[in-house]
Structures are given as C-alpha cells and as structure tokens.
PDB file of N, CA and C in Angstrom:
ATOM      1  N   MET A   1      78.230  99.283 108.013  1.00  0.00           N
ATOM      2  CA  MET A   1      79.557  98.857 108.382  1.00  0.00           C
ATOM      3  C   MET A   1      79.574  98.447 109.839  1.00  0.00           C
ATOM      4  N   GLU A   2      80.201  97.343 110.080  1.00  0.00           N
ATOM      5  CA  GLU A   2      80.275  96.857 111.455  1.00  0.00           C
ATOM      6  C   GLU A   2      81.443  97.504 112.190  1.00  0.00           C
ATOM      7  N   PHE A   3      81.380  97.384 113.498  1.00  0.00           N
ATOM      8  CA  PHE A   3      82.417  97.971 114.347  1.00  0.00           C
ATOM      9  C   PHE A   3      83.791  97.382 114.041  1.00  0.00           C
ATOM     10  N   SER A   4      83.864  96.094 113.805  1.00  0.00           N
ATOM     11  CA  SER A   4      85.148  95.448 113.528  1.00  0.00           C
ATOM     12  C   SER A   4      85.729  95.936 112.200  1.00  0.00           C
ATOM     13  N   GLU A   5      84.868  96.218 111.242  1.00  0.00           N
ATOM     14  CA  GLU A   5      85.340  96.760 109.962  1.00  0.00           C
ATOM     15  C   GLU A   5      85.887  98.174 110.127  1.00  0.00           C
ATOM     16  N   VAL A   6      85.227  98.968 110.944  1.00  0.00           N
ATOM     17  CA  VAL A   6      85.684 100.334 111.217  1.00  0.00           C
ATOM     18  C   VAL A   6      87.047 100.283 111.904  1.00  0.00           C
ATOM     19  N   LEU A   7      87.191  99.390 112.882  1.00  0.00           N
ATOM     20  CA  LEU A   7      88.478  99.244 113.564  1.00  0.00           C
ATOM     21  C   LEU A   7      89.575  98.777 112.606  1.00  0.00           C
ATOM     22  N   THR A   8      89.211  97.890 111.706  1.00  0.00           N
ATOM     23  CA  THR A   8      90.171  97.378 110.736  1.00  0.00           C
ATOM     24  C   THR A   8      90.703  98.505 109.848  1.00  0.00           C
ATOM     25  N   ILE A   9      89.901  99.476 109.593  1.00  0.00           N
ATOM     26  CA  ILE A   9      90.308 100.607 108.765  1.00  0.00           C
ATOM     27  C   ILE A   9      91.033 101.669 109.604  1.00  0.00           C
ATOM     28  N   LEU A  10      90.479 101.996 110.760  1.00  0.00           N
ATOM     29  CA  LEU A  10      91.002 103.107 111.553  1.00  0.00           C
ATOM     30  C   LEU A  10      92.312 102.791 112.282  1.00  0.00           C
ATOM     31  N   LEU A  11      92.480 101.583 112.768  1.00  0.00           N
ATOM     32  CA  LEU A  11      93.707 101.267 113.511  1.00  0.00           C
ATOM     33  C   LEU A  11      94.973 101.390 112.661  1.00  0.00           C
ATOM     34  N   PRO A  12      95.007 100.866 111.457  1.00  0.00           N
ATOM     35  CA  PRO A  12      96.216 101.068 110.649  1.00  0.00           C
ATOM     36  C   PRO A  12      96.451 102.536 110.289  1.00  0.00           C
ATOM     37  N   ILE A  13      95.372 103.270 110.073  1.00  0.00           N
ATOM     38  CA  ILE A  13      95.519 104.700 109.768  1.00  0.00           C
ATOM     39  C   ILE A  13      96.117 105.422 110.967  1.00  0.00           C
ATOM     40  N   ALA A  14      95.619 105.127 112.160  1.00  0.00           N
ATOM     41  CA  ALA A  14      96.152 105.747 113.376  1.00  0.00           C
ATOM     42  C   ALA A  14      97.613 105.359 113.584  1.00  0.00           C
ATOM     43  N   ALA A  15      97.946 104.111 113.347  1.00  0.00           N
ATOM     44  CA  ALA A  15      99.326 103.656 113.502  1.00  0.00           C
ATOM     45  C   ALA A  15     100.245 104.358 112.519  1.00  0.00           C
ATOM     46  N   MET A  16      99.809 104.490 111.269  1.00  0.00           N
ATOM     47  CA  MET A  16     100.629 105.190 110.270  1.00  0.00           C
ATOM     48  C   MET A  16     100.774 106.664 110.613  1.00  0.00           C
ATOM     49  N   PHE A  17      99.711 107.278 111.133  1.00  0.00           N
ATOM     50  CA  PHE A  17      99.783 108.679 111.537  1.00  0.00           C
ATOM     51  C   PHE A  17     100.825 108.868 112.635  1.00  0.00           C
ATOM     52  N   LEU A  18     100.802 108.019 113.652  1.00  0.00           N
ATOM     53  CA  LEU A  18     101.763 108.136 114.751  1.00  0.00           C
ATOM     54  C   LEU A  18     103.190 107.854 114.280  1.00  0.00           C
ATOM     55  N   TRP A  19     103.358 106.864 113.410  1.00  0.00           N
ATOM     56  CA  TRP A  19     104.684 106.560 112.880  1.00  0.00           C
ATOM     57  C   TRP A  19     105.204 107.733 112.058  1.00  0.00           C
ATOM     58  N   ASN A  20     104.355 108.311 111.225  1.00  0.00           N
ATOM     59  CA  ASN A  20     104.752 109.445 110.392  1.00  0.00           C
ATOM     60  C   ASN A  20     105.153 110.636 111.255  1.00  0.00           C
ATOM     61  N   ARG A  21     104.420 110.871 112.309  1.00  0.00           N
ATOM     62  CA  ARG A  21     104.730 111.980 113.216  1.00  0.00           C
ATOM     63  C   ARG A  21     106.080 111.760 113.905  1.00  0.00           C
ATOM     64  N   THR A  22     106.350 110.538 114.314  1.00  0.00           N
ATOM     65  CA  THR A  22     107.632 110.210 114.946  1.00  0.00           C
ATOM     66  C   THR A  22     108.789 110.423 113.972  1.00  0.00           C
ATOM     67  N   GLU A  23     108.613 109.972 112.750  1.00  0.00           N
ATOM     68  CA  GLU A  23     109.655 110.150 111.733  1.00  0.00           C
ATOM     69  C   GLU A  23     109.874 111.624 111.418  1.00  0.00           C
ATOM     70  N   ALA A  24     108.811 112.390 111.349  1.00  0.00           N
ATOM     71  CA  ALA A  24     108.927 113.818 111.066  1.00  0.00           C
ATOM     72  C   ALA A  24     109.704 114.527 112.174  1.00  0.00           C
ATOM     73  N   ASN A  25     109.440 114.163 113.419  1.00  0.00           N
ATOM     74  CA  ASN A  25     110.176 114.766 114.531  1.00  0.00           C
ATOM     75  C   ASN A  25     111.655 114.401 114.479  1.00  0.00           C
ATOM     76  N   ALA A  26     111.952 113.160 114.135  1.00  0.00           N
ATOM     77  CA  ALA A  26     113.351 112.744 114.027  1.00  0.00           C
ATOM     78  C   ALA A  26     114.042 113.506 112.899  1.00  0.00           C
ATOM     79  N   ASP A  27     113.364 113.660 111.769  1.00  0.00           N
ATOM     80  CA  ASP A  27     113.930 114.419 110.649  1.00  0.00           C
ATOM     81  C   ASP A  27     114.160 115.877 111.030  1.00  0.00           C
ATOM     82  N   ARG A  28     113.212 116.450 111.755  1.00  0.00           N
ATOM     83  CA  ARG A  28     113.342 117.847 112.176  1.00  0.00           C
ATOM     84  C   ARG A  28     114.551 118.025 113.082  1.00  0.00           C
ATOM     85  N   ARG A  29     114.736 117.111 114.039  1.00  0.00           N
ATOM     86  CA  ARG A  29     115.894 117.195 114.935  1.00  0.00           C
ATOM     87  C   ARG A  29     117.199 117.058 114.156  1.00  0.00           C
ATOM     88  N   ASP A  30     117.225 116.151 113.200  1.00  0.00           N
ATOM     89  CA  ASP A  30     118.418 115.954 112.382  1.00  0.00           C
ATOM     90  C   ASP A  30     118.740 117.206 111.570  1.00  0.00           C
ATOM     91  N   MET A  31     117.733 117.799 110.967  1.00  0.00           N
ATOM     92  CA  MET A  31     117.955 119.019 110.174  1.00  0.00           C
ATOM     93  C   MET A  31     118.407 120.172 111.059  1.00  0.00           C
ATOM     94  N   ASN A  32     117.854 120.292 112.257  1.00  0.00           N
ATOM     95  CA  ASN A  32     118.289 121.350 113.167  1.00  0.00           C
ATOM     96  C   ASN A  32     119.750 121.186 113.542  1.00  0.00           C
ATOM     97  N   GLN A  33     120.196 119.959 113.762  1.00  0.00           N
ATOM     98  CA  GLN A  33     121.606 119.717 114.069  1.00  0.00           C
ATOM     99  C   GLN A  33     122.497 120.104 112.897  1.00  0.00           C
ATOM    100  N   LYS A  34     122.079 119.764 111.696  1.00  0.00           N
ATOM    101  CA  LYS A  34     122.868 120.109 110.509  1.00  0.00           C
ATOM    102  C   LYS A  34     122.926 121.621 110.318  1.00  0.00           C
ATOM    103  N   ILE A  35     121.801 122.286 110.516  1.00  0.00           N
ATOM    104  CA  ILE A  35     121.764 123.741 110.369  1.00  0.00           C
ATOM    105  C   ILE A  35     122.670 124.399 111.411  1.00  0.00           C
ATOM    106  N   ASP A  36     122.619 123.926 112.653  1.00  0.00           N
ATOM    107  CA  ASP A  36     123.478 124.475 113.702  1.00  0.00           C
ATOM    108  C   ASP A  36     124.949 124.284 113.365  1.00  0.00           C
ATOM    109  N   ALA A  37     125.306 123.119 112.823  1.00  0.00           N
ATOM    110  CA  ALA A  37     126.699 122.867 112.447  1.00  0.00           C
ATOM    111  C   ALA A  37     127.136 123.816 111.335  1.00  0.00           C
ATOM    112  N   HIS A  38     126.277 124.040 110.347  1.00  0.00           N
ATOM    113  CA  HIS A  38     126.607 124.958 109.256  1.00  0.00           C
ATOM    114  C   HIS A  38     126.724 126.395 109.765  1.00  0.00           C
ATOM    115  N   MET A  39     125.849 126.778 110.683  1.00  0.00           N
ATOM    116  CA  MET A  39     125.919 128.133 111.233  1.00  0.00           C
ATOM    117  C   MET A  39     127.225 128.346 111.990  1.00  0.00           C
ATOM    118  N   LYS A  40     127.659 127.347 112.755  1.00  0.00           N
ATOM    119  CA  LYS A  40     128.921 127.461 113.482  1.00  0.00           C
ATOM    120  C   LYS A  40     130.089 127.551 112.507  1.00  0.00           C
ATOM    121  N   GLU A  41     130.045 126.739 111.458  1.00  0.00           N
ATOM    122  CA  GLU A  41     131.109 126.770 110.454  1.00  0.00           C
ATOM    123  C   GLU A  41     131.161 128.136 109.769  1.00  0.00           C
ATOM    124  N   ASN A  42     129.994 128.680 109.424  1.00  0.00           N
ATOM    125  CA  ASN A  42     129.950 130.002 108.793  1.00  0.00           C
ATOM    126  C   ASN A  42     130.473 131.081 109.730  1.00  0.00           C
ATOM    127  N   LYS A  43     130.121 130.994 111.008  1.00  0.00           N
ATOM    128  CA  LYS A  43     130.593 131.975 111.979  1.00  0.00           C
ATOM    129  C   LYS A  43     132.112 131.913 112.107  1.00  0.00           C
ATOM    130  N   ASP A  44     132.665 130.704 112.116  1.00  0.00           N
ATOM    131  CA  ASP A  44     134.118 130.547 112.187  1.00  0.00           C
ATOM    132  C   ASP A  44     134.794 131.117 110.944  1.00  0.00           C
ATOM    133  N   LEU A  45     134.198 130.899 109.776  1.00  0.00           N
ATOM    134  CA  LEU A  45     134.761 131.452 108.545  1.00  0.00           C
ATOM    135  C   LEU A  45     134.722 132.972 108.542  1.00  0.00           C
ATOM    136  N   ILE A  46     133.624 133.543 108.998  1.00  0.00           N
ATOM    137  CA  ILE A  46     133.507 135.002 109.057  1.00  0.00           C
ATOM    138  C   ILE A  46     134.542 135.579 110.006  1.00  0.00           C
ATOM    139  N   THR A  47     134.749 134.934 111.142  1.00  0.00           N
ATOM    140  CA  THR A  47     135.757 135.394 112.101  1.00  0.00           C
ATOM    141  C   THR A  47     137.152 135.341 111.478  1.00  0.00           C
ATOM    142  N   ALA A  48     137.457 134.268 110.762  1.00  0.00           N
ATOM    143  CA  ALA A  48     138.760 134.144 110.116  1.00  0.00           C
ATOM    144  C   ALA A  48     138.941 135.222 109.050  1.00  0.00           C
ATOM    145  N   ILE A  49     137.908 135.494 108.284  1.00  0.00           N
ATOM    146  CA  ILE A  49     137.980 136.540 107.253  1.00  0.00           C
ATOM    147  C   ILE A  49     138.197 137.904 107.890  1.00  0.00           C
ATOM    148  N   GLN A  50     137.496 138.181 108.985  1.00  0.00           N
ATOM    149  CA  GLN A  50     137.663 139.460 109.670  1.00  0.00           C
ATOM    150  C   GLN A  50     139.086 139.626 110.186  1.00  0.00           C
ATOM    151  N   MET A  51     139.661 138.554 110.707  1.00  0.00           N
ATOM    152  CA  MET A  51     141.036 138.630 111.197  1.00  0.00           C
ATOM    153  C   MET A  51     142.010 138.882 110.038  1.00  0.00           C
ATOM    154  N   GLU A  52     141.780 138.250 108.896  1.00  0.00           N
ATOM    155  CA  GLU A  52     142.623 138.476 107.722  1.00  0.00           C
ATOM    156  C   GLU A  52     142.512 139.924 107.253  1.00  0.00           C
ATOM    157  N   ILE A  53     141.317 140.480 107.269  1.00  0.00           N
ATOM    158  CA  ILE A  53     141.112 141.870 106.848  1.00  0.00           C
ATOM    159  C   ILE A  53     141.867 142.811 107.783  1.00  0.00           C
ATOM    160  N   LYS A  54     141.775 142.577 109.087  1.00  0.00           N
ATOM    161  CA  LYS A  54     142.486 143.422 110.046  1.00  0.00           C
ATOM    162  C   LYS A  54     143.984 143.325 109.843  1.00  0.00           C
ATOM    163  N   ASP A  55     144.487 142.113 109.624  1.00  0.00           N
ATOM    164  CA  ASP A  55     145.917 141.919 109.390  1.00  0.00           C
ATOM    165  C   ASP A  55     146.353 142.638 108.121  1.00  0.00           C
ATOM    166  N   PHE A  56     145.593 142.492 107.054  1.00  0.00           N
ATOM    167  CA  PHE A  56     145.918 143.147 105.788  1.00  0.00           C
ATOM    168  C   PHE A  56     145.896 144.655 105.947  1.00  0.00           C
ATOM    169  N   HIS A  57     144.888 145.171 106.642  1.00  0.00           N
ATOM    170  CA  HIS A  57     144.799 146.616 106.858  1.00  0.00           C
ATOM    171  C   HIS A  57     146.014 147.119 107.646  1.00  0.00           C
ATOM    172  N   GLY A  58     146.415 146.379 108.664  1.00  0.00           N
ATOM    173  CA  GLY A  58     147.596 146.774 109.441  1.00  0.00           C
ATOM    174  C   GLY A  58     148.853 146.794 108.590  1.00  0.00           C
ATOM    175  N   ARG A  59     149.030 145.782 107.754  1.00  0.00           N
ATOM    176  CA  ARG A  59     150.203 145.756 106.881  1.00  0.00           C
ATOM    177  C   ARG A  59     150.147 146.884 105.852  1.00  0.00           C
ATOM    178  N   LEU A  60     148.973 147.185 105.330  1.00  0.00           N
ATOM    179  CA  LEU A  60     148.821 148.265 104.359  1.00  0.00           C
ATOM    180  C   LEU A  60     149.139 149.613 105.004  1.00  0.00           C
ATOM    181  N   CYS A  61     148.678 149.827 106.222  1.00  0.00           N
ATOM    182  CA  CYS A  61     148.992 151.076 106.935  1.00  0.00           C
ATOM    183  C   CYS A  61     150.496 151.194 107.178  1.00  0.00           C
ATOM    184  N   ALA A  62     151.156 150.102 107.527  1.00  0.00           N
ATOM    185  CA  ALA A  62     152.601 150.121 107.750  1.00  0.00           C
ATOM    186  C   ALA A  62     153.339 150.469 106.458  1.00  0.00           C
ATOM    187  N   ILE A  63     152.908 149.933 105.338  1.00  0.00           N
ATOM    188  CA  ILE A  63     153.540 150.244 104.047  1.00  0.00           C
ATOM    189  C   ILE A  63     153.337 151.710 103.696  1.00  0.00           C
ATOM    190  N   GLU A  64     152.141 152.239 103.930  1.00  0.00           N
ATOM    191  CA  GLU A  64     151.874 153.659 103.649  1.00  0.00           C
ATOM    192  C   GLU A  64     152.735 154.557 104.525  1.00  0.00           C
ATOM    193  N   GLU A  65     152.920 154.191 105.787  1.00  0.00           N
ATOM    194  CA  GLU A  65     153.777 154.997 106.683  1.00  0.00           C
ATOM    195  C   GLU A  65     155.218 154.997 106.189  1.00  0.00           C
ATOM    196  N   ARG A  66     155.702 153.829 105.753  1.00  0.00           N
ATOM    197  CA  ARG A  66     157.070 153.734 105.235  1.00  0.00           C
ATOM    198  C   ARG A  66     157.238 154.586 103.977  1.00  0.00           C
ATOM    199  N   ASN A  67     156.218 154.614 103.119  1.00  0.00           N
ATOM    200  CA  ASN A  67     156.314 155.370 101.861  1.00  0.00           C
ATOM    201  C   ASN A  67     156.204 156.872 102.078  1.00  0.00           C
ATOM    202  N   LYS A  68     155.624 157.311 103.203  1.00  0.00           N
ATOM    203  CA  LYS A  68     155.508 158.749 103.489  1.00  0.00           C
ATOM    204  C   LYS A  68     156.857 159.355 103.820  1.00  0.00           C
ATOM    205  N   LYS A  69     157.773 158.573 104.370  1.00  0.00           N
ATOM    206  CA  LYS A  69     159.071 159.121 104.812  1.00  0.00           C
ATOM    207  C   LYS A  69     160.005 159.372 103.694  1.00  0.00           C
TER     208      LYS A  69
END
C-alpha cells in the first residue's frame, strides 16, 4: 500500500472520529441541561408538596383543638 492510499483511508476516518466526538459533547451538554431543568422542577414540586402538608397539618390540628372543647 502506498502512502497516498493510507492517507486516503486514514484522513476520512480521523475526520469522522473528530466530528463524532464533537457531536457527542454537544449531546452531553444538551442532556445535562435537560436533567438540570427536570431536577429544578422536581425540587419545586417537592417544596410545594411540603408546604401543602404543613398547611393541612395545621388545619387538622386546629380542627382537633376545636373538637376537644
């Protein structure tokens, strides 16, 4: 095999490798952003649920106090 034939084979392979690596990094960054957004949304939902539980517990305690009298 001549040098030019080796280059003809290796250069496109190297180019595809670099392109694939660039695309993989872009996909990874995109997925990390989506995961972060979902985590923030879940944290906000958990906070809202906790506040509802505290409110419900307070109202339940008030009803129990009224019924004791």
